[in-house]
Amino acid sequence: MRYSNLDGHRVGGSLIRVLKWKAGWHGEKRPPARMTGVPVPVLANDGRALRKAAADALTWVGHASFLVQLGGASALIDPVMSPTLVGGLILRNVAPGLAWQALPRIDLVLVTHNHRDHMDAPTLARLGPDPVYVVPQGLGRWFERAGLRRVVEMGWWQRERIAGLDLTFVPAEHWSRRGLLDTNESWWGGYVIERGGLRVYHSGDTAWFDGFALIGEKCGAIDAAMLPIGAYAPRWFMQPQHMDPFDAVRAFAALGARRFVAMHWGTFKLTDEDLAEPPRLLAQAWQRASLPQERLSVPAIGETLFL
């Protein structure tokens, strides 16, 4: 089965378009920017408070990886702890915001889609078979073959209660591929996670699409929305699959969420913009939208935001 976006169309990494981008045969060329050694905010976090307390909190591990703690349950979303991706071709700019020994006991692992910067095989292997793995339709077999047999596949708008958390898998505007011939053979999306009157949303990878308003309408008031602000340049290539900061602010408004939590920047250089650029553009987009400053959170890697 080949999966599609909400409006029925499919996005995929056309080889010709990739070559055009990498060869610079387009009008959005930028000066080369460093892959590593780029200063981004980092906060030391030994995890002691996270292992002891039952506070409701979000901790940014880096890129799209978050530790979500609600009502005493701990979930890792898109955990990527490896120093490199794609066989060492992509290097990590800064270490994970939580070291392995800093993690609390993990009840759930939520995977938004199968791209390697969101679904990292070495990290999943080290997390082992104890957590429940919640994954999009089409990915269950991969996890079972990896020995991670406590797996729950979900389709869009499916709702499950696991480890005391109410989970809804929601649409995103993206695509999937793990190998050469499996484009869009598994789904992609985000998660709305609820417990004890709190509701948080992690979008996964996504472009802007009309589904943000639908998520807000169907899932209810969102207390914190974890939204990507990086990996957006050049726009002619990335716009169908990744938001830029201006799109992300627009998505936040469409969701009707109370708090914007920035992610998906500063960790891996996947696209042409400088790793430190996204929060600068986000500040401009936020000011242009005339939104209250107290509703914006741009955490440091390793920072815990208490809800």
Protein backbone atom coordinates (compact mmCIF):
# COMPACT_ATOMS: atom_id res chain seq x y z
CA MET A 1 0.00 0.00 0.00
CA ARG A 2 1.16 3.54 -0.81
CA TYR A 3 0.05 6.24 1.62
CA SER A 4 -0.95 9.79 0.67
CA ASN A 5 -1.38 13.16 2.32
CA LEU A 6 -4.70 14.48 3.58
CA ASP A 7 -5.69 15.92 0.19
CA GLY A 8 -4.68 12.71 -1.62
CA HIS A 9 -1.39 13.88 -3.13
CA ARG A 10 1.98 12.28 -2.53
CA VAL A 11 5.32 13.92 -1.87
CA GLY A 12 8.52 12.04 -2.55
CA GLY A 13 12.21 12.66 -3.00
CA SER A 14 12.52 12.86 -6.79
CA LEU A 15 16.12 12.05 -7.72
CA ILE A 16 16.14 14.73 -10.43
CA ARG A 17 14.99 17.39 -7.95
CA VAL A 18 17.56 16.26 -5.39
CA LEU A 19 20.34 16.47 -7.98
CA LYS A 20 19.15 19.92 -9.06
CA TRP A 21 19.27 21.07 -5.44
CA LYS A 22 22.65 19.56 -4.61
CA ALA A 23 24.24 20.77 -7.84
CA GLY A 24 23.00 24.31 -7.23
CA TRP A 25 20.94 24.47 -10.44
CA HIS A 26 18.40 26.85 -8.97
CA GLY A 27 17.97 30.47 -7.90
CA GLU A 28 18.04 30.02 -4.10
CA LYS A 29 21.71 29.19 -3.65
CA ARG A 30 23.26 30.14 -0.31
CA PRO A 31 26.86 30.38 0.85
CA PRO A 32 28.13 27.13 2.40
CA ALA A 33 27.35 26.86 6.13
CA ARG A 34 29.03 24.70 8.74
CA MET A 35 27.63 21.29 9.62
CA THR A 36 29.10 21.27 13.13
CA GLY A 37 30.63 23.70 15.57
CA VAL A 38 27.67 26.07 15.30
CA PRO A 39 26.82 27.63 18.69
CA VAL A 40 23.26 26.89 19.76
CA PRO A 41 21.75 27.15 23.26
CA VAL A 42 22.48 24.08 25.41
CA LEU A 43 21.46 23.52 29.03
CA ALA A 44 23.10 20.85 31.17
CA ASN A 45 20.48 18.39 32.42
CA ASP A 46 21.51 15.39 34.51
CA GLY A 47 17.91 14.14 34.56
CA ARG A 48 17.80 13.89 38.35
CA ALA A 49 14.63 15.96 38.65
CA LEU A 50 13.05 14.09 35.74
CA ARG A 51 13.70 10.69 37.35
CA LYS A 52 12.39 11.69 40.78
CA ALA A 53 9.45 14.01 40.19
CA ALA A 54 6.10 13.32 38.59
CA ALA A 55 5.88 16.82 37.13
CA ASP A 56 4.20 17.41 33.77
CA ALA A 57 7.01 18.52 31.49
CA LEU A 58 8.60 18.55 28.05
CA THR A 59 12.38 18.15 27.69
CA TRP A 60 14.05 18.87 24.35
CA VAL A 61 16.68 16.24 23.62
CA GLY A 62 17.54 17.80 20.24
CA HIS A 63 16.17 17.86 16.68
CA ALA A 64 12.65 16.36 16.93
CA SER A 65 13.43 14.26 20.01
CA PHE A 66 11.39 15.11 23.11
CA LEU A 67 10.85 13.49 26.47
CA VAL A 68 7.20 14.04 27.36
CA GLN A 69 6.16 13.41 30.97
CA LEU A 70 2.49 13.58 31.91
CA GLY A 71 0.94 12.24 35.09
CA GLY A 72 3.94 10.10 35.94
CA ALA A 73 4.21 8.43 32.51
CA SER A 74 7.28 9.07 30.32
CA ALA A 75 7.25 8.98 26.52
CA LEU A 76 10.11 9.56 24.09
CA ILE A 77 9.12 11.02 20.73
CA ASP A 78 11.38 10.39 17.71
CA PRO A 79 14.40 9.54 19.87
CA VAL A 80 17.73 10.01 18.07
CA MET A 81 20.77 9.71 20.33
CA SER A 82 23.36 8.73 17.71
CA PRO A 83 26.34 11.00 16.91
CA THR A 84 25.81 10.62 13.16
CA LEU A 85 23.14 9.75 10.62
CA VAL A 86 23.18 7.97 7.24
CA GLY A 87 26.38 6.03 7.87
CA GLY A 88 28.29 9.01 9.18
CA LEU A 89 27.42 11.41 6.35
CA ILE A 90 25.48 13.74 8.67
CA LEU A 91 27.21 14.73 11.90
CA ARG A 92 25.53 15.87 15.09
CA ASN A 93 26.18 19.55 15.91
CA VAL A 94 25.68 19.13 19.67
CA ALA A 95 25.27 16.13 21.95
CA PRO A 96 21.78 15.00 23.05
CA GLY A 97 20.28 17.18 25.75
CA LEU A 98 19.81 14.12 27.94
CA ALA A 99 22.49 11.45 28.15
CA TRP A 100 21.42 7.83 28.38
CA GLN A 101 21.98 7.68 32.12
CA ALA A 102 19.83 10.82 32.57
CA LEU A 103 16.70 9.25 31.10
CA PRO A 104 13.89 8.13 33.39
CA ARG A 105 12.19 4.79 32.85
CA ILE A 106 10.55 5.03 29.42
CA ASP A 107 7.00 3.72 29.14
CA LEU A 108 6.33 4.67 25.51
CA VAL A 109 8.29 5.47 22.38
CA LEU A 110 6.36 7.37 19.71
CA VAL A 111 7.71 7.43 16.16
CA THR A 112 6.22 9.94 13.69
CA HIS A 113 7.68 8.45 10.48
CA ASN A 114 10.56 6.37 9.21
CA HIS A 115 13.09 8.98 8.03
CA ARG A 116 16.44 8.36 9.70
CA ASP A 117 16.58 11.66 11.57
CA HIS A 118 13.35 10.61 13.34
CA MET A 119 13.62 6.81 13.45
CA ASP A 120 17.16 5.89 14.44
CA ALA A 121 17.83 2.16 14.55
CA PRO A 122 20.78 2.23 17.01
CA THR A 123 18.81 4.37 19.46
CA LEU A 124 15.76 2.11 19.24
CA ALA A 125 17.91 -0.99 19.73
CA ARG A 126 19.43 0.47 22.88
CA LEU A 127 16.01 1.43 24.27
CA GLY A 128 15.19 -2.26 23.93
CA PRO A 129 11.98 -4.27 24.12
CA ASP A 130 10.49 -2.93 27.35
CA PRO A 131 8.68 0.24 26.16
CA VAL A 132 5.55 0.14 24.01
CA TYR A 133 6.42 1.41 20.52
CA VAL A 134 3.66 3.45 18.89
CA VAL A 135 4.25 3.78 15.15
CA PRO A 136 2.40 4.75 11.95
CA GLN A 137 0.63 2.15 9.87
CA GLY A 138 3.06 0.16 7.78
CA LEU A 139 5.95 0.27 10.28
CA GLY A 140 4.93 -2.48 12.70
CA ARG A 141 6.79 -5.21 10.87
CA TRP A 142 10.09 -3.31 10.99
CA PHE A 143 9.83 -3.04 14.78
CA GLU A 144 8.83 -6.66 15.25
CA ARG A 145 11.79 -7.81 13.13
CA ALA A 146 14.04 -5.63 15.28
CA GLY A 147 12.83 -7.52 18.36
CA LEU A 148 10.67 -4.63 19.57
CA ARG A 149 7.46 -6.61 19.75
CA ARG A 150 5.38 -4.38 22.04
CA VAL A 151 4.28 -2.36 19.03
CA VAL A 152 1.02 -0.55 18.26
CA GLU A 153 0.39 0.65 14.70
CA MET A 154 -1.87 3.67 14.30
CA GLY A 155 -3.74 5.30 11.43
CA TRP A 156 -4.77 8.93 11.23
CA TRP A 157 -7.31 9.95 13.88
CA GLN A 158 -6.94 6.61 15.65
CA ARG A 159 -7.04 7.00 19.42
CA GLU A 160 -5.48 4.64 21.96
CA ARG A 161 -4.92 4.69 25.72
CA ILE A 162 -1.47 3.34 26.60
CA ALA A 163 0.36 3.65 29.94
CA GLY A 164 -2.35 6.01 31.11
CA LEU A 165 -1.87 8.40 28.19
CA ASP A 166 -4.54 9.11 25.59
CA LEU A 167 -2.83 9.18 22.19
CA THR A 168 -4.26 10.38 18.88
CA PHE A 169 -2.25 9.94 15.69
CA VAL A 170 -2.97 12.96 13.50
CA PRO A 171 -2.14 13.89 9.89
CA ALA A 172 0.96 15.68 8.67
CA GLU A 173 1.99 16.87 5.22
CA HIS A 174 5.05 14.79 4.47
CA TRP A 175 6.18 11.41 3.09
CA SER A 176 8.11 8.31 4.09
CA ARG A 177 11.03 6.26 2.83
CA ARG A 178 13.55 4.01 4.56
CA GLY A 179 15.17 2.27 1.59
CA LEU A 180 15.34 2.70 -2.17
CA LEU A 181 12.01 1.17 -3.14
CA ASP A 182 9.64 1.75 -0.20
CA THR A 183 8.53 5.36 -0.78
CA ASN A 184 5.27 6.04 1.09
CA GLU A 185 4.76 2.40 2.09
CA SER A 186 4.23 3.54 5.68
CA TRP A 187 2.35 6.55 7.02
CA TRP A 188 3.61 9.69 8.71
CA GLY A 189 1.99 12.08 11.14
CA GLY A 190 2.02 13.69 14.56
CA TYR A 191 0.69 12.83 18.00
CA VAL A 192 -1.68 14.54 20.38
CA ILE A 193 -1.00 13.27 23.90
CA GLU A 194 -3.41 13.82 26.80
CA ARG A 195 -3.51 13.12 30.50
CA GLY A 196 -4.97 14.81 33.55
CA GLY A 197 -6.47 17.70 31.62
CA LEU A 198 -3.23 18.51 29.74
CA ARG A 199 -2.93 18.10 25.99
CA VAL A 200 0.32 18.41 23.99
CA TYR A 201 0.98 18.01 20.28
CA HIS A 202 4.11 16.95 18.37
CA SER A 203 3.77 17.53 14.65
CA GLY A 204 6.59 15.31 13.38
CA ASP A 205 7.94 16.50 10.04
CA THR A 206 5.38 18.49 8.11
CA ALA A 207 4.79 21.22 5.59
CA TRP A 208 2.04 23.78 6.09
CA PHE A 209 -1.38 22.30 5.29
CA ASP A 210 -5.02 22.93 6.12
CA GLY A 211 -4.99 19.98 8.51
CA PHE A 212 -3.66 22.10 11.39
CA ALA A 213 -7.06 23.72 11.92
CA LEU A 214 -8.70 20.29 11.68
CA ILE A 215 -6.36 18.91 14.38
CA GLY A 216 -7.30 21.76 16.69
CA GLU A 217 -11.01 21.23 16.03
CA LYS A 218 -11.02 17.43 16.43
CA CYS A 219 -8.58 17.08 19.34
CA GLY A 220 -9.51 20.06 21.49
CA ALA A 221 -7.47 22.83 23.12
CA ILE A 222 -3.73 22.14 22.89
CA ASP A 223 -1.63 23.39 25.80
CA ALA A 224 1.73 23.07 24.03
CA ALA A 225 2.51 22.52 20.35
CA MET A 226 5.97 21.21 19.44
CA LEU A 227 6.50 22.57 15.93
CA PRO A 228 9.49 22.37 13.55
CA ILE A 229 11.24 25.59 12.55
CA GLY A 230 14.31 24.27 10.68
CA ALA A 231 15.35 22.31 7.56
CA TYR A 232 13.50 24.62 5.17
CA ALA A 233 15.94 25.92 2.52
CA PRO A 234 15.73 26.09 -0.42
CA ARG A 235 12.00 26.71 -0.34
CA TRP A 236 11.36 25.54 -3.92
CA PHE A 237 12.49 22.07 -2.77
CA MET A 238 11.55 21.98 0.92
CA GLN A 239 8.22 23.81 1.00
CA PRO A 240 6.14 20.70 0.12
CA GLN A 241 7.65 18.77 3.06
CA HIS A 242 9.05 21.13 5.75
CA MET A 243 7.75 24.36 7.28
CA ASP A 244 9.88 27.44 7.73
CA PRO A 245 9.41 29.62 10.85
CA PHE A 246 6.75 31.75 9.16
CA ASP A 247 4.76 28.62 8.23
CA ALA A 248 5.20 27.32 11.78
CA VAL A 249 3.70 30.47 13.32
CA ARG A 250 0.80 30.20 10.87
CA ALA A 251 0.34 26.55 11.91
CA PHE A 252 0.36 27.53 15.58
CA ALA A 253 -2.41 30.05 14.97
CA ALA A 254 -4.46 27.52 12.99
CA LEU A 255 -4.13 24.94 15.79
CA GLY A 256 -5.35 27.44 18.37
CA ALA A 257 -2.64 26.19 20.75
CA ARG A 258 -1.67 28.06 23.91
CA ARG A 259 2.11 27.67 23.75
CA PHE A 260 4.54 27.32 20.85
CA VAL A 261 7.55 25.05 21.53
CA ALA A 262 10.22 25.22 18.81
CA MET A 263 12.05 22.11 17.61
CA HIS A 264 13.83 20.58 14.59
CA TRP A 265 16.76 22.99 14.40
CA GLY A 266 20.33 23.30 15.64
CA THR A 267 21.14 19.57 15.81
CA PHE A 268 21.59 18.14 12.31
CA LYS A 269 22.34 20.21 9.22
CA LEU A 270 19.99 18.69 6.67
CA THR A 271 19.38 21.67 4.39
CA ASP A 272 20.99 24.90 3.18
CA GLU A 273 20.20 27.40 5.94
CA ASP A 274 22.67 28.07 8.73
CA LEU A 275 21.90 25.94 11.79
CA ALA A 276 21.48 29.06 13.95
CA GLU A 277 19.13 30.90 11.57
CA PRO A 278 15.69 29.41 12.39
CA PRO A 279 15.11 31.10 15.79
CA ARG A 280 16.05 34.49 14.31
CA LEU A 281 13.40 34.10 11.63
CA LEU A 282 10.96 32.76 14.22
CA ALA A 283 11.35 35.96 16.23
CA GLN A 284 10.53 37.99 13.11
CA ALA A 285 7.52 35.80 12.30
CA TRP A 286 6.25 36.02 15.88
CA GLN A 287 6.52 39.81 15.91
CA ARG A 288 4.81 40.06 12.53
CA ALA A 289 1.91 37.97 13.86
CA SER A 290 1.62 40.23 16.96
CA LEU A 291 1.47 37.25 19.30
CA PRO A 292 2.21 37.54 23.05
CA GLN A 293 5.84 36.80 23.84
CA GLU A 294 4.94 34.64 26.86
CA ARG A 295 3.32 32.09 24.54
CA LEU A 296 6.60 31.42 22.70
CA SER A 297 9.18 28.92 23.97
CA VAL A 298 12.47 28.34 22.16
CA PRO A 299 14.09 25.88 24.56
CA ALA A 300 17.78 25.17 24.78
CA ILE A 301 18.82 21.63 23.98
CA GLY A 302 18.44 19.82 27.31
CA GLU A 303 15.97 22.32 28.73
CA THR A 304 12.84 21.15 30.55
CA LEU A 305 9.65 23.16 30.17
CA PHE A 306 7.16 22.56 32.98
CA LEU A 307 3.52 22.63 31.96
